[in-house]
PDB file of N, CA and C in Angstrom:
ATOM      1  N   MET A   1       1.049  -1.063  -0.022  1.00  0.00           N
ATOM      2  CA  MET A   1       0.024   0.145  -0.006  1.00  0.00           C
ATOM      3  C   MET A   1       0.914   1.282  -0.165  1.00  0.00           C
ATOM      4  N   THR A   2       1.896   1.192   0.978  1.00  0.00           N
ATOM      5  CA  THR A   2       2.734   2.244   0.678  1.00  0.00           C
ATOM      6  C   THR A   2       3.387   2.802  -0.730  1.00  0.00           C
ATOM      7  N   LYS A   3       3.532   1.759  -1.395  1.00  0.00           N
ATOM      8  CA  LYS A   3       4.148   1.907  -2.649  1.00  0.00           C
ATOM      9  C   LYS A   3       3.042   2.488  -3.562  1.00  0.00           C
ATOM     10  N   LEU A   4       2.041   2.167  -3.478  1.00  0.00           N
ATOM     11  CA  LEU A   4       0.862   2.587  -4.363  1.00  0.00           C
ATOM     12  C   LEU A   4       0.585   4.336  -3.951  1.00  0.00           C
ATOM     13  N   LEU A   5       0.974   4.507  -2.658  1.00  0.00           N
ATOM     14  CA  LEU A   5       0.824   5.896  -2.506  1.00  0.00           C
ATOM     15  C   LEU A   5       1.795   6.846  -2.852  1.00  0.00           C
ATOM     16  N   LEU A   6       3.017   6.217  -2.748  1.00  0.00           N
ATOM     17  CA  LEU A   6       4.096   7.116  -3.033  1.00  0.00           C
ATOM     18  C   LEU A   6       4.017   7.319  -4.694  1.00  0.00           C
ATOM     19  N   VAL A   7       3.485   6.432  -5.489  1.00  0.00           N
ATOM     20  CA  VAL A   7       3.374   6.367  -6.947  1.00  0.00           C
ATOM     21  C   VAL A   7       2.221   7.515  -7.223  1.00  0.00           C
ATOM     22  N   PHE A   8       1.190   7.401  -6.309  1.00  0.00           N
ATOM     23  CA  PHE A   8      -0.061   8.209  -6.260  1.00  0.00           C
ATOM     24  C   PHE A   8       0.297   9.820  -6.029  1.00  0.00           C
ATOM     25  N   VAL A   9       1.035  10.020  -5.056  1.00  0.00           N
ATOM     26  CA  VAL A   9       1.091  11.487  -4.922  1.00  0.00           C
ATOM     27  C   VAL A   9       2.095  11.852  -5.604  1.00  0.00           C
ATOM     28  N   GLY A  10       3.062  11.145  -6.062  1.00  0.00           N
ATOM     29  CA  GLY A  10       4.198  11.651  -7.042  1.00  0.00           C
ATOM     30  C   GLY A  10       3.394  11.716  -8.187  1.00  0.00           C
ATOM     31  N   GLY A  11       2.758  11.136  -8.852  1.00  0.00           N
ATOM     32  CA  GLY A  11       2.010  10.934 -10.097  1.00  0.00           C
ATOM     33  C   GLY A  11       1.000  12.475 -10.001  1.00  0.00           C
ATOM     34  N   GLY A  12       0.539  12.645  -8.986  1.00  0.00           N
ATOM     35  CA  GLY A  12      -0.456  13.888  -9.123  1.00  0.00           C
ATOM     36  C   GLY A  12       0.455  14.949  -9.000  1.00  0.00           C
ATOM     37  N   LEU A  13       1.523  15.252  -8.342  1.00  0.00           N
ATOM     38  CA  LEU A  13       2.652  16.521  -8.435  1.00  0.00           C
ATOM     39  C   LEU A  13       3.122  16.423  -9.789  1.00  0.00           C
ATOM     40  N   GLY A  14       3.262  15.235 -10.534  1.00  0.00           N
ATOM     41  CA  GLY A  14       3.979  15.470 -11.710  1.00  0.00           C
ATOM     42  C   GLY A  14       3.093  15.926 -12.777  1.00  0.00           C
ATOM     43  N   ALA A  15       1.688  15.414 -12.629  1.00  0.00           N
ATOM     44  CA  ALA A  15       0.678  15.987 -13.469  1.00  0.00           C
ATOM     45  C   ALA A  15       0.437  17.421 -13.368  1.00  0.00           C
ATOM     46  N   VAL A  16       0.375  17.798 -11.915  1.00  0.00           N
ATOM     47  CA  VAL A  16       0.180  19.105 -11.969  1.00  0.00           C
ATOM     48  C   VAL A  16       1.310  20.330 -12.329  1.00  0.00           C
ATOM     49  N   SER A  17       2.504  19.531 -12.298  1.00  0.00           N
ATOM     50  CA  SER A  17       3.750  20.304 -12.887  1.00  0.00           C
ATOM     51  C   SER A  17       3.464  20.558 -14.575  1.00  0.00           C
ATOM     52  N   ARG A  18       3.112  19.325 -14.895  1.00  0.00           N
ATOM     53  CA  ARG A  18       2.995  19.096 -16.599  1.00  0.00           C
ATOM     54  C   ARG A  18       2.132  20.089 -17.113  1.00  0.00           C
ATOM     55  N   PHE A  19       0.762  20.304 -16.386  1.00  0.00           N
ATOM     56  CA  PHE A  19      -0.143  21.460 -16.314  1.00  0.00           C
ATOM     57  C   PHE A  19       0.486  22.771 -16.488  1.00  0.00           C
ATOM     58  N   LEU A  20       1.312  23.285 -15.457  1.00  0.00           N
ATOM     59  CA  LEU A  20       1.910  24.394 -15.144  1.00  0.00           C
ATOM     60  C   LEU A  20       2.807  24.653 -16.301  1.00  0.00           C
ATOM     61  N   VAL A  21       3.715  23.771 -16.619  1.00  0.00           N
ATOM     62  CA  VAL A  21       4.565  24.036 -17.838  1.00  0.00           C
ATOM     63  C   VAL A  21       4.024  24.383 -18.965  1.00  0.00           C
ATOM     64  N   THR A  22       2.733  23.152 -19.480  1.00  0.00           N
ATOM     65  CA  THR A  22       2.213  23.583 -20.577  1.00  0.00           C
ATOM     66  C   THR A  22       1.200  24.791 -20.892  1.00  0.00           C
ATOM     67  N   THR A  23       0.655  25.224 -19.698  1.00  0.00           N
ATOM     68  CA  THR A  23      -0.176  26.611 -19.332  1.00  0.00           C
ATOM     69  C   THR A  23       0.761  27.670 -19.689  1.00  0.00           C
ATOM     70  N   ALA A  24       1.856  27.733 -19.300  1.00  0.00           N
ATOM     71  CA  ALA A  24       2.693  28.493 -19.263  1.00  0.00           C
ATOM     72  C   ALA A  24       3.523  28.906 -20.643  1.00  0.00           C
ATOM     73  N   LEU A  25       3.406  27.841 -21.340  1.00  0.00           N
ATOM     74  CA  LEU A  25       4.165  28.010 -22.665  1.00  0.00           C
ATOM     75  C   LEU A  25       3.091  27.931 -23.693  1.00  0.00           C
ATOM     76  N   ALA A  26       1.588  27.900 -23.513  1.00  0.00           N
ATOM     77  CA  ALA A  26       0.659  27.707 -24.313  1.00  0.00           C
ATOM     78  C   ALA A  26       0.566  29.036 -25.519  1.00  0.00           C
ATOM     79  N   GLY A  27       0.595  28.978 -26.793  1.00  0.00           N
ATOM     80  CA  GLY A  27       0.584  29.545 -27.615  1.00  0.00           C
ATOM     81  C   GLY A  27       1.854  30.443 -27.885  1.00  0.00           C
ATOM     82  N   LYS A  28       3.035  30.276 -27.195  1.00  0.00           N
ATOM     83  CA  LYS A  28       4.165  31.074 -27.489  1.00  0.00           C
ATOM     84  C   LYS A  28       4.838  30.930 -28.647  1.00  0.00           C
ATOM     85  N   LEU A  29       4.570  29.884 -29.203  1.00  0.00           N
ATOM     86  CA  LEU A  29       4.795  29.521 -30.805  1.00  0.00           C
ATOM     87  C   LEU A  29       3.806  29.506 -31.769  1.00  0.00           C
ATOM     88  N   GLY A  30       2.552  29.795 -31.549  1.00  0.00           N
ATOM     89  CA  GLY A  30       1.319  29.717 -32.287  1.00  0.00           C
ATOM     90  C   GLY A  30       0.955  28.629 -31.924  1.00  0.00           C
ATOM     91  N   ASN A  31       0.368  27.293 -32.859  1.00  0.00           N
ATOM     92  CA  ASN A  31      -0.229  26.422 -32.661  1.00  0.00           C
ATOM     93  C   ASN A  31       1.006  25.193 -32.298  1.00  0.00           C
ATOM     94  N   PHE A  32       1.993  25.539 -32.268  1.00  0.00           N
ATOM     95  CA  PHE A  32       3.149  24.487 -31.869  1.00  0.00           C
ATOM     96  C   PHE A  32       3.096  24.098 -30.291  1.00  0.00           C
ATOM     97  N   PRO A  33       3.137  22.833 -30.283  1.00  0.00           N
ATOM     98  CA  PRO A  33       2.994  22.361 -28.823  1.00  0.00           C
ATOM     99  C   PRO A  33       4.215  22.474 -28.097  1.00  0.00           C
ATOM    100  N   LEU A  34       4.509  23.687 -27.992  1.00  0.00           N
ATOM    101  CA  LEU A  34       5.718  23.970 -27.319  1.00  0.00           C
ATOM    102  C   LEU A  34       5.893  23.239 -25.713  1.00  0.00           C
ATOM    103  N   GLY A  35       4.724  23.555 -25.151  1.00  0.00           N
ATOM    104  CA  GLY A  35       4.647  22.873 -23.707  1.00  0.00           C
ATOM    105  C   GLY A  35       4.675  21.284 -23.684  1.00  0.00           C
ATOM    106  N   THR A  36       4.206  20.686 -24.576  1.00  0.00           N
ATOM    107  CA  THR A  36       4.276  19.373 -24.596  1.00  0.00           C
ATOM    108  C   THR A  36       5.576  18.904 -24.634  1.00  0.00           C
ATOM    109  N   LEU A  37       6.406  19.556 -25.712  1.00  0.00           N
ATOM    110  CA  LEU A  37       7.530  19.292 -26.056  1.00  0.00           C
ATOM    111  C   LEU A  37       8.835  19.574 -25.138  1.00  0.00           C
ATOM    112  N   ALA A  38       8.347  20.848 -24.202  1.00  0.00           N
ATOM    113  CA  ALA A  38       9.247  21.112 -23.027  1.00  0.00           C
ATOM    114  C   ALA A  38       9.196  20.048 -22.009  1.00  0.00           C
ATOM    115  N   ALA A  39       7.811  19.595 -21.680  1.00  0.00           N
ATOM    116  CA  ALA A  39       7.646  18.677 -20.649  1.00  0.00           C
ATOM    117  C   ALA A  39       8.447  17.465 -21.053  1.00  0.00           C
ATOM    118  N   ASN A  40       8.350  16.996 -22.178  1.00  0.00           N
ATOM    119  CA  ASN A  40       8.761  15.539 -22.518  1.00  0.00           C
ATOM    120  C   ASN A  40      10.287  15.685 -22.453  1.00  0.00           C
ATOM    121  N   LEU A  41      10.859  16.997 -23.065  1.00  0.00           N
ATOM    122  CA  LEU A  41      12.267  17.142 -22.817  1.00  0.00           C
ATOM    123  C   LEU A  41      12.747  16.986 -21.688  1.00  0.00           C
ATOM    124  N   ILE A  42      12.093  17.885 -20.638  1.00  0.00           N
ATOM    125  CA  ILE A  42      12.491  18.367 -19.289  1.00  0.00           C
ATOM    126  C   ILE A  42      12.316  16.631 -18.457  1.00  0.00           C
ATOM    127  N   GLY A  43      11.064  16.008 -18.772  1.00  0.00           N
ATOM    128  CA  GLY A  43      11.042  14.928 -18.088  1.00  0.00           C
ATOM    129  C   GLY A  43      11.854  13.783 -18.626  1.00  0.00           C
ATOM    130  N   SER A  44      12.479  13.761 -19.775  1.00  0.00           N
ATOM    131  CA  SER A  44      13.704  12.893 -20.249  1.00  0.00           C
ATOM    132  C   SER A  44      14.770  13.237 -19.523  1.00  0.00           C
ATOM    133  N   LEU A  45      15.401  14.516 -19.646  1.00  0.00           N
ATOM    134  CA  LEU A  45      16.804  14.716 -18.860  1.00  0.00           C
ATOM    135  C   LEU A  45      16.644  14.542 -17.284  1.00  0.00           C
ATOM    136  N   LEU A  46      15.363  14.893 -16.453  1.00  0.00           N
ATOM    137  CA  LEU A  46      15.039  14.376 -15.359  1.00  0.00           C
ATOM    138  C   LEU A  46      15.236  12.973 -15.014  1.00  0.00           C
ATOM    139  N   MET A  47      14.324  12.047 -15.793  1.00  0.00           N
ATOM    140  CA  MET A  47      14.757  10.378 -15.727  1.00  0.00           C
ATOM    141  C   MET A  47      16.114  10.241 -15.813  1.00  0.00           C
ATOM    142  N   GLY A  48      16.858  10.869 -16.880  1.00  0.00           N
ATOM    143  CA  GLY A  48      18.386  10.220 -16.920  1.00  0.00           C
ATOM    144  C   GLY A  48      19.198  10.634 -15.741  1.00  0.00           C
ATOM    145  N   LEU A  49      18.835  11.648 -15.127  1.00  0.00           N
ATOM    146  CA  LEU A  49      19.274  12.194 -13.812  1.00  0.00           C
ATOM    147  C   LEU A  49      18.806  11.228 -12.464  1.00  0.00           C
ATOM    148  N   VAL A  50      17.569  10.990 -12.676  1.00  0.00           N
ATOM    149  CA  VAL A  50      16.956  10.002 -11.738  1.00  0.00           C
ATOM    150  C   VAL A  50      17.531   8.854 -11.652  1.00  0.00           C
ATOM    151  N   VAL A  51      17.624   8.161 -12.805  1.00  0.00           N
ATOM    152  CA  VAL A  51      18.402   6.781 -13.079  1.00  0.00           C
ATOM    153  C   VAL A  51      19.714   6.773 -12.623  1.00  0.00           C
ATOM    154  N   GLY A  52      20.394   7.797 -12.837  1.00  0.00           N
ATOM    155  CA  GLY A  52      21.797   7.545 -12.648  1.00  0.00           C
ATOM    156  C   GLY A  52      21.909   7.960 -11.095  1.00  0.00           C
ATOM    157  N   ILE A  53      21.391   8.910 -10.646  1.00  0.00           N
ATOM    158  CA  ILE A  53      21.423   9.193  -9.158  1.00  0.00           C
ATOM    159  C   ILE A  53      21.028   8.256  -8.104  1.00  0.00           C
ATOM    160  N   LEU A  54      19.684   7.674  -8.440  1.00  0.00           N
ATOM    161  CA  LEU A  54      18.964   7.149  -7.780  1.00  0.00           C
ATOM    162  C   LEU A  54      19.048   5.577  -7.892  1.00  0.00           C
ATOM    163  N   ALA A  55      20.188   5.058  -8.462  1.00  0.00           N
ATOM    164  CA  ALA A  55      20.251   3.835  -9.097  1.00  0.00           C
ATOM    165  C   ALA A  55      20.693   2.940  -7.464  1.00  0.00           C
ATOM    166  N   ASP A  56      21.321   3.633  -6.824  1.00  0.00           N
ATOM    167  CA  ASP A  56      21.855   2.866  -5.541  1.00  0.00           C
ATOM    168  C   ASP A  56      20.721   3.385  -4.325  1.00  0.00           C
ATOM    169  N   ARG A  57      19.681   4.079  -4.547  1.00  0.00           N
ATOM    170  CA  ARG A  57      18.729   4.507  -3.469  1.00  0.00           C
ATOM    171  C   ARG A  57      17.746   3.852  -3.233  1.00  0.00           C
ATOM    172  N   ALA A  58      17.036   4.047  -2.071  1.00  0.00           N
ATOM    173  CA  ALA A  58      15.897   3.162  -1.686  1.00  0.00           C
ATOM    174  C   ALA A  58      14.698   3.154  -2.811  1.00  0.00           C
ATOM    175  N   ASP A  59      14.110   2.048  -2.743  1.00  0.00           N
ATOM    176  CA  ASP A  59      13.077   1.759  -3.726  1.00  0.00           C
ATOM    177  C   ASP A  59      11.834   2.833  -3.722  1.00  0.00           C
ATOM    178  N   SER A  60      11.660   3.377  -2.540  1.00  0.00           N
ATOM    179  CA  SER A  60      10.729   4.297  -2.345  1.00  0.00           C
ATOM    180  C   SER A  60      10.793   5.503  -2.797  1.00  0.00           C
ATOM    181  N   VAL A  61      12.255   6.049  -3.122  1.00  0.00           N
ATOM    182  CA  VAL A  61      12.638   7.040  -3.455  1.00  0.00           C
ATOM    183  C   VAL A  61      12.181   7.161  -5.194  1.00  0.00           C
ATOM    184  N   ARG A  62      12.721   6.070  -5.590  1.00  0.00           N
ATOM    185  CA  ARG A  62      12.596   5.821  -6.907  1.00  0.00           C
ATOM    186  C   ARG A  62      11.323   5.616  -7.646  1.00  0.00           C
ATOM    187  N   LEU A  63      10.566   5.026  -6.860  1.00  0.00           N
ATOM    188  CA  LEU A  63       8.868   5.067  -6.930  1.00  0.00           C
ATOM    189  C   LEU A  63       8.292   6.495  -7.055  1.00  0.00           C
ATOM    190  N   PHE A  64       8.605   7.046  -5.896  1.00  0.00           N
ATOM    191  CA  PHE A  64       7.987   8.686  -6.005  1.00  0.00           C
ATOM    192  C   PHE A  64       8.630   9.349  -7.001  1.00  0.00           C
ATOM    193  N   VAL A  65       9.832   9.459  -7.478  1.00  0.00           N
ATOM    194  CA  VAL A  65      10.050  10.425  -8.473  1.00  0.00           C
ATOM    195  C   VAL A  65      10.224   9.857  -9.721  1.00  0.00           C
ATOM    196  N   ALA A  66      10.746   9.136 -10.093  1.00  0.00           N
ATOM    197  CA  ALA A  66      10.720   8.196 -11.379  1.00  0.00           C
ATOM    198  C   ALA A  66       9.519   7.522 -11.707  1.00  0.00           C
ATOM    199  N   VAL A  67       8.657   6.788 -10.892  1.00  0.00           N
ATOM    200  CA  VAL A  67       7.543   6.228 -11.307  1.00  0.00           C
ATOM    201  C   VAL A  67       6.353   7.264 -10.951  1.00  0.00           C
ATOM    202  N   GLY A  68       6.315   7.886 -10.119  1.00  0.00           N
ATOM    203  CA  GLY A  68       5.147   8.701  -9.726  1.00  0.00           C
ATOM    204  C   GLY A  68       5.114   9.821 -10.319  1.00  0.00           C
ATOM    205  N   PHE A  69       6.146  10.868  -9.807  1.00  0.00           N
ATOM    206  CA  PHE A  69       6.310  12.223 -10.566  1.00  0.00           C
ATOM    207  C   PHE A  69       6.702  12.212 -11.825  1.00  0.00           C
ATOM    208  N   LEU A  70       7.497  11.622 -12.266  1.00  0.00           N
ATOM    209  CA  LEU A  70       8.044  11.685 -13.989  1.00  0.00           C
ATOM    210  C   LEU A  70       6.872  10.982 -14.810  1.00  0.00           C
ATOM    211  N   GLY A  71       6.359   9.873 -14.157  1.00  0.00           N
ATOM    212  CA  GLY A  71       5.357   9.193 -14.904  1.00  0.00           C
ATOM    213  C   GLY A  71       4.107  10.289 -15.058  1.00  0.00           C
ATOM    214  N   GLY A  72       3.588  11.203 -13.940  1.00  0.00           N
ATOM    215  CA  GLY A  72       2.552  12.123 -14.164  1.00  0.00           C
ATOM    216  C   GLY A  72       2.992  13.211 -14.883  1.00  0.00           C
ATOM    217  N   PHE A  73       4.285  13.478 -15.152  1.00  0.00           N
ATOM    218  CA  PHE A  73       4.800  14.597 -15.692  1.00  0.00           C
ATOM    219  C   PHE A  73       5.100  14.316 -17.482  1.00  0.00           C
ATOM    220  N   THR A  74       5.372  13.148 -17.667  1.00  0.00           N
ATOM    221  CA  THR A  74       5.562  12.738 -18.784  1.00  0.00           C
ATOM    222  C   THR A  74       5.834  11.311 -18.916  1.00  0.00           C
ATOM    223  N   THR A  75       5.070  10.353 -19.900  1.00  0.00           N
ATOM    224  CA  THR A  75       5.773   9.057 -19.970  1.00  0.00           C
ATOM    225  C   THR A  75       6.440   8.895 -21.031  1.00  0.00           C
ATOM    226  N   PHE A  76       7.081   9.858 -21.783  1.00  0.00           N
ATOM    227  CA  PHE A  76       8.041   9.847 -22.749  1.00  0.00           C
ATOM    228  C   PHE A  76       9.521   9.847 -22.100  1.00  0.00           C
ATOM    229  N   SER A  77       9.461  10.122 -20.904  1.00  0.00           N
ATOM    230  CA  SER A  77      10.688   9.997 -20.216  1.00  0.00           C
ATOM    231  C   SER A  77      11.079   8.446 -19.838  1.00  0.00           C
ATOM    232  N   SER A  78       9.832   7.863 -19.612  1.00  0.00           N
ATOM    233  CA  SER A  78      10.280   6.406 -19.503  1.00  0.00           C
ATOM    234  C   SER A  78      10.568   6.060 -20.830  1.00  0.00           C
ATOM    235  N   PHE A  79       9.746   6.032 -22.060  1.00  0.00           N
ATOM    236  CA  PHE A  79      10.159   5.677 -23.259  1.00  0.00           C
ATOM    237  C   PHE A  79      11.639   5.934 -23.404  1.00  0.00           C
ATOM    238  N   SER A  80      12.091   7.175 -22.974  1.00  0.00           N
ATOM    239  CA  SER A  80      13.318   7.497 -23.556  1.00  0.00           C
ATOM    240  C   SER A  80      14.437   6.511 -22.791  1.00  0.00           C
ATOM    241  N   ALA A  81      14.165   6.429 -21.571  1.00  0.00           N
ATOM    242  CA  ALA A  81      15.108   5.816 -20.767  1.00  0.00           C
ATOM    243  C   ALA A  81      15.257   4.511 -21.225  1.00  0.00           C
ATOM    244  N   GLU A  82      14.081   3.684 -21.239  1.00  0.00           N
ATOM    245  CA  GLU A  82      13.885   2.105 -21.794  1.00  0.00           C
ATOM    246  C   GLU A  82      14.769   1.981 -23.062  1.00  0.00           C
ATOM    247  N   THR A  83      14.425   2.768 -24.143  1.00  0.00           N
ATOM    248  CA  THR A  83      15.260   3.130 -25.134  1.00  0.00           C
ATOM    249  C   THR A  83      16.336   2.763 -25.229  1.00  0.00           C
ATOM    250  N   LEU A  84      17.003   3.863 -24.484  1.00  0.00           N
ATOM    251  CA  LEU A  84      18.394   4.022 -24.266  1.00  0.00           C
ATOM    252  C   LEU A  84      19.043   2.813 -23.671  1.00  0.00           C
ATOM    253  N   ALA A  85      18.290   2.142 -22.602  1.00  0.00           N
ATOM    254  CA  ALA A  85      18.868   1.060 -22.091  1.00  0.00           C
ATOM    255  C   ALA A  85      18.837  -0.077 -23.195  1.00  0.00           C
ATOM    256  N   LEU A  86      17.869  -0.257 -24.133  1.00  0.00           N
ATOM    257  CA  LEU A  86      18.197  -1.348 -24.928  1.00  0.00           C
ATOM    258  C   LEU A  86      19.376  -0.861 -26.143  1.00  0.00           C
ATOM    259  N   ILE A  87      19.600   0.420 -26.252  1.00  0.00           N
ATOM    260  CA  ILE A  87      20.737   0.625 -26.960  1.00  0.00           C
ATOM    261  C   ILE A  87      22.196   0.543 -26.104  1.00  0.00           C
ATOM    262  N   GLN A  88      21.949   0.991 -24.909  1.00  0.00           N
ATOM    263  CA  GLN A  88      23.335   0.700 -24.260  1.00  0.00           C
ATOM    264  C   GLN A  88      23.559  -0.936 -23.970  1.00  0.00           C
ATOM    265  N   ASN A  89      22.695  -1.603 -23.992  1.00  0.00           N
ATOM    266  CA  ASN A  89      22.607  -3.374 -23.738  1.00  0.00           C
ATOM    267  C   ASN A  89      23.121  -3.908 -25.338  1.00  0.00           C
ATOM    268  N   GLY A  90      23.061  -3.092 -26.366  1.00  0.00           N
ATOM    269  CA  GLY A  90      23.587  -3.675 -27.598  1.00  0.00           C
ATOM    270  C   GLY A  90      22.042  -4.091 -28.362  1.00  0.00           C
ATOM    271  N   GLN A  91      21.035  -3.948 -27.852  1.00  0.00           N
ATOM    272  CA  GLN A  91      19.947  -4.131 -28.699  1.00  0.00           C
ATOM    273  C   GLN A  91      19.392  -3.067 -29.501  1.00  0.00           C
ATOM    274  N   LEU A  92      19.976  -3.037 -30.667  1.00  0.00           N
ATOM    275  CA  LEU A  92      19.730  -2.158 -31.275  1.00  0.00           C
ATOM    276  C   LEU A  92      18.572  -2.002 -31.981  1.00  0.00           C
ATOM    277  N   PHE A  93      18.349  -3.087 -32.455  1.00  0.00           N
ATOM    278  CA  PHE A  93      17.124  -3.646 -33.189  1.00  0.00           C
ATOM    279  C   PHE A  93      16.010  -3.624 -32.439  1.00  0.00           C
ATOM    280  N   ALA A  94      15.704  -4.163 -31.315  1.00  0.00           N
ATOM    281  CA  ALA A  94      14.790  -3.793 -30.125  1.00  0.00           C
ATOM    282  C   ALA A  94      14.502  -2.085 -29.896  1.00  0.00           C
ATOM    283  N   ALA A  95      15.428  -1.482 -29.909  1.00  0.00           N
ATOM    284  CA  ALA A  95      15.351  -0.124 -29.555  1.00  0.00           C
ATOM    285  C   ALA A  95      14.722   0.542 -30.988  1.00  0.00           C
ATOM    286  N   ALA A  96      15.065   0.130 -32.074  1.00  0.00           N
ATOM    287  CA  ALA A  96      14.589   0.732 -33.159  1.00  0.00           C
ATOM    288  C   ALA A  96      13.097   0.439 -33.326  1.00  0.00           C
ATOM    289  N   ILE A  97      12.954  -0.971 -33.165  1.00  0.00           N
ATOM    290  CA  ILE A  97      11.549  -1.491 -33.345  1.00  0.00           C
ATOM    291  C   ILE A  97      10.342  -0.579 -32.304  1.00  0.00           C
ATOM    292  N   ASN A  98      11.249  -0.337 -30.870  1.00  0.00           N
ATOM    293  CA  ASN A  98      10.430   0.324 -29.880  1.00  0.00           C
ATOM    294  C   ASN A  98      10.038   1.625 -30.330  1.00  0.00           C
ATOM    295  N   VAL A  99      11.229   2.378 -30.818  1.00  0.00           N
ATOM    296  CA  VAL A  99      10.870   3.742 -31.325  1.00  0.00           C
ATOM    297  C   VAL A  99       9.813   3.744 -32.531  1.00  0.00           C
ATOM    298  N   ILE A 100       9.959   2.950 -33.564  1.00  0.00           N
ATOM    299  CA  ILE A 100       8.940   2.869 -34.733  1.00  0.00           C
ATOM    300  C   ILE A 100       7.438   2.664 -34.419  1.00  0.00           C
ATOM    301  N   VAL A 101       7.615   1.387 -33.470  1.00  0.00           N
ATOM    302  CA  VAL A 101       6.314   0.853 -33.018  1.00  0.00           C
ATOM    303  C   VAL A 101       5.617   1.958 -32.137  1.00  0.00           C
ATOM    304  N   SER A 102       6.015   2.400 -31.181  1.00  0.00           N
ATOM    305  CA  SER A 102       5.746   3.446 -29.908  1.00  0.00           C
ATOM    306  C   SER A 102       4.981   4.649 -30.839  1.00  0.00           C
ATOM    307  N   VAL A 103       5.989   5.485 -31.635  1.00  0.00           N
ATOM    308  CA  VAL A 103       5.744   6.719 -32.238  1.00  0.00           C
ATOM    309  C   VAL A 103       4.319   6.224 -33.563  1.00  0.00           C
ATOM    310  N   ALA A 104       4.617   5.365 -34.240  1.00  0.00           N
ATOM    311  CA  ALA A 104       3.904   5.080 -35.371  1.00  0.00           C
ATOM    312  C   ALA A 104       2.259   4.538 -34.897  1.00  0.00           C
ATOM    313  N   ALA A 105       2.212   3.493 -33.803  1.00  0.00           N
ATOM    314  CA  ALA A 105       1.241   2.716 -33.485  1.00  0.00           C
ATOM    315  C   ALA A 105       0.408   3.931 -32.421  1.00  0.00           C
ATOM    316  N   GLY A 106       1.383   4.671 -31.818  1.00  0.00           N
ATOM    317  CA  GLY A 106       0.832   6.011 -30.991  1.00  0.00           C
ATOM    318  C   GLY A 106      -0.276   6.738 -31.765  1.00  0.00           C
ATOM    319  N   LEU A 107       0.343   7.145 -32.914  1.00  0.00           N
ATOM    320  CA  LEU A 107      -0.319   7.933 -33.813  1.00  0.00           C
ATOM    321  C   LEU A 107      -1.485   7.239 -34.254  1.00  0.00           C
ATOM    322  N   VAL A 108      -1.335   6.092 -34.672  1.00  0.00           N
ATOM    323  CA  VAL A 108      -2.726   5.063 -35.143  1.00  0.00           C
ATOM    324  C   VAL A 108      -3.589   5.278 -34.140  1.00  0.00           C
ATOM    325  N   ALA A 109      -3.167   4.801 -32.967  1.00  0.00           N
ATOM    326  CA  ALA A 109      -4.385   4.671 -31.868  1.00  0.00           C
ATOM    327  C   ALA A 109      -4.776   5.840 -31.646  1.00  0.00           C
ATOM    328  N   CYS A 110      -4.187   6.731 -31.608  1.00  0.00           N
ATOM    329  CA  CYS A 110      -4.604   8.308 -31.143  1.00  0.00           C
ATOM    330  C   CYS A 110      -5.784   8.621 -32.428  1.00  0.00           C
ATOM    331  N   ALA A 111      -5.691   8.131 -33.611  1.00  0.00           N
ATOM    332  CA  ALA A 111      -6.569   8.580 -34.926  1.00  0.00           C
ATOM    333  C   ALA A 111      -7.527   7.672 -34.499  1.00  0.00           C
ATOM    334  N   ILE A 112      -7.483   6.532 -34.237  1.00  0.00           N
ATOM    335  CA  ILE A 112      -8.598   5.491 -34.134  1.00  0.00           C
ATOM    336  C   ILE A 112      -9.475   6.297 -32.955  1.00  0.00           C
ATOM    337  N   GLY A 113      -8.622   6.209 -31.924  1.00  0.00           N
ATOM    338  CA  GLY A 113      -9.813   7.212 -30.568  1.00  0.00           C
ATOM    339  C   GLY A 113     -10.464   8.026 -30.872  1.00  0.00           C
ATOM    340  N   LEU A 114      -9.758   8.884 -31.851  1.00  0.00           N
ATOM    341  CA  LEU A 114     -10.476  10.255 -32.247  1.00  0.00           C
ATOM    342  C   LEU A 114     -11.676   9.952 -33.209  1.00  0.00           C
ATOM    343  N   LYS A 115     -11.416   9.179 -34.015  1.00  0.00           N
ATOM    344  CA  LYS A 115     -12.669   8.581 -34.882  1.00  0.00           C
ATOM    345  C   LYS A 115     -13.624   7.800 -33.924  1.00  0.00           C
ATOM    346  N   LEU A 116     -13.228   6.950 -33.053  1.00  0.00           N
ATOM    347  CA  LEU A 116     -14.284   6.364 -32.389  1.00  0.00           C
ATOM    348  C   LEU A 116     -15.201   7.472 -31.577  1.00  0.00           C
ATOM    349  N   GLY A 117     -14.242   8.555 -31.272  1.00  0.00           N
ATOM    350  CA  GLY A 117     -14.995   9.767 -30.012  1.00  0.00           C
ATOM    351  C   GLY A 117     -15.731  10.569 -31.167  1.00  0.00           C
ATOM    352  N   GLY A 118     -15.588  10.598 -32.276  1.00  0.00           N
ATOM    353  CA  GLY A 118     -16.539  11.035 -33.018  1.00  0.00           C
ATOM    354  C   GLY A 118     -15.798  12.292 -33.795  1.00  0.00           C
ATOM    355  N   VAL A 119     -14.755  12.419 -33.873  1.00  0.00           N
ATOM    356  CA  VAL A 119     -13.977  13.401 -34.720  1.00  0.00           C
ATOM    357  C   VAL A 119     -13.583  12.956 -35.873  1.00  0.00           C
ATOM    358  N   GLN A 120     -13.671  13.800 -36.933  1.00  0.00           N
ATOM    359  CA  GLN A 120     -13.596  13.422 -38.138  1.00  0.00           C
ATOM    360  C   GLN A 120     -12.240  13.479 -38.861  1.00  0.00           C
TER     361      GLN A 120
END
């Protein structure tokens, strides 16, 4: 139960932080999603730092920061860290498949969701 609470609180703080970043940057470059880009890049940077710094730390700190906060802030950070881990382990094909499938299938899934939701 403690683990779930750590992820829950961290995720809530991460989601609020993402909202603040995207709201602050909304409209700065016209319709370009600068806030989302910023959140994804900041989250990826922080995930790299967290994975490096917290590698030898307690599981509870990692759960709160990496899984909770950064998971609520951006899932792109997890995607980036996992893809880099594949590359560092010499699994280049798996890394490439992860990038291609995640992006392409994500776009297709979103398009299907929009269609099912009534957006043409």
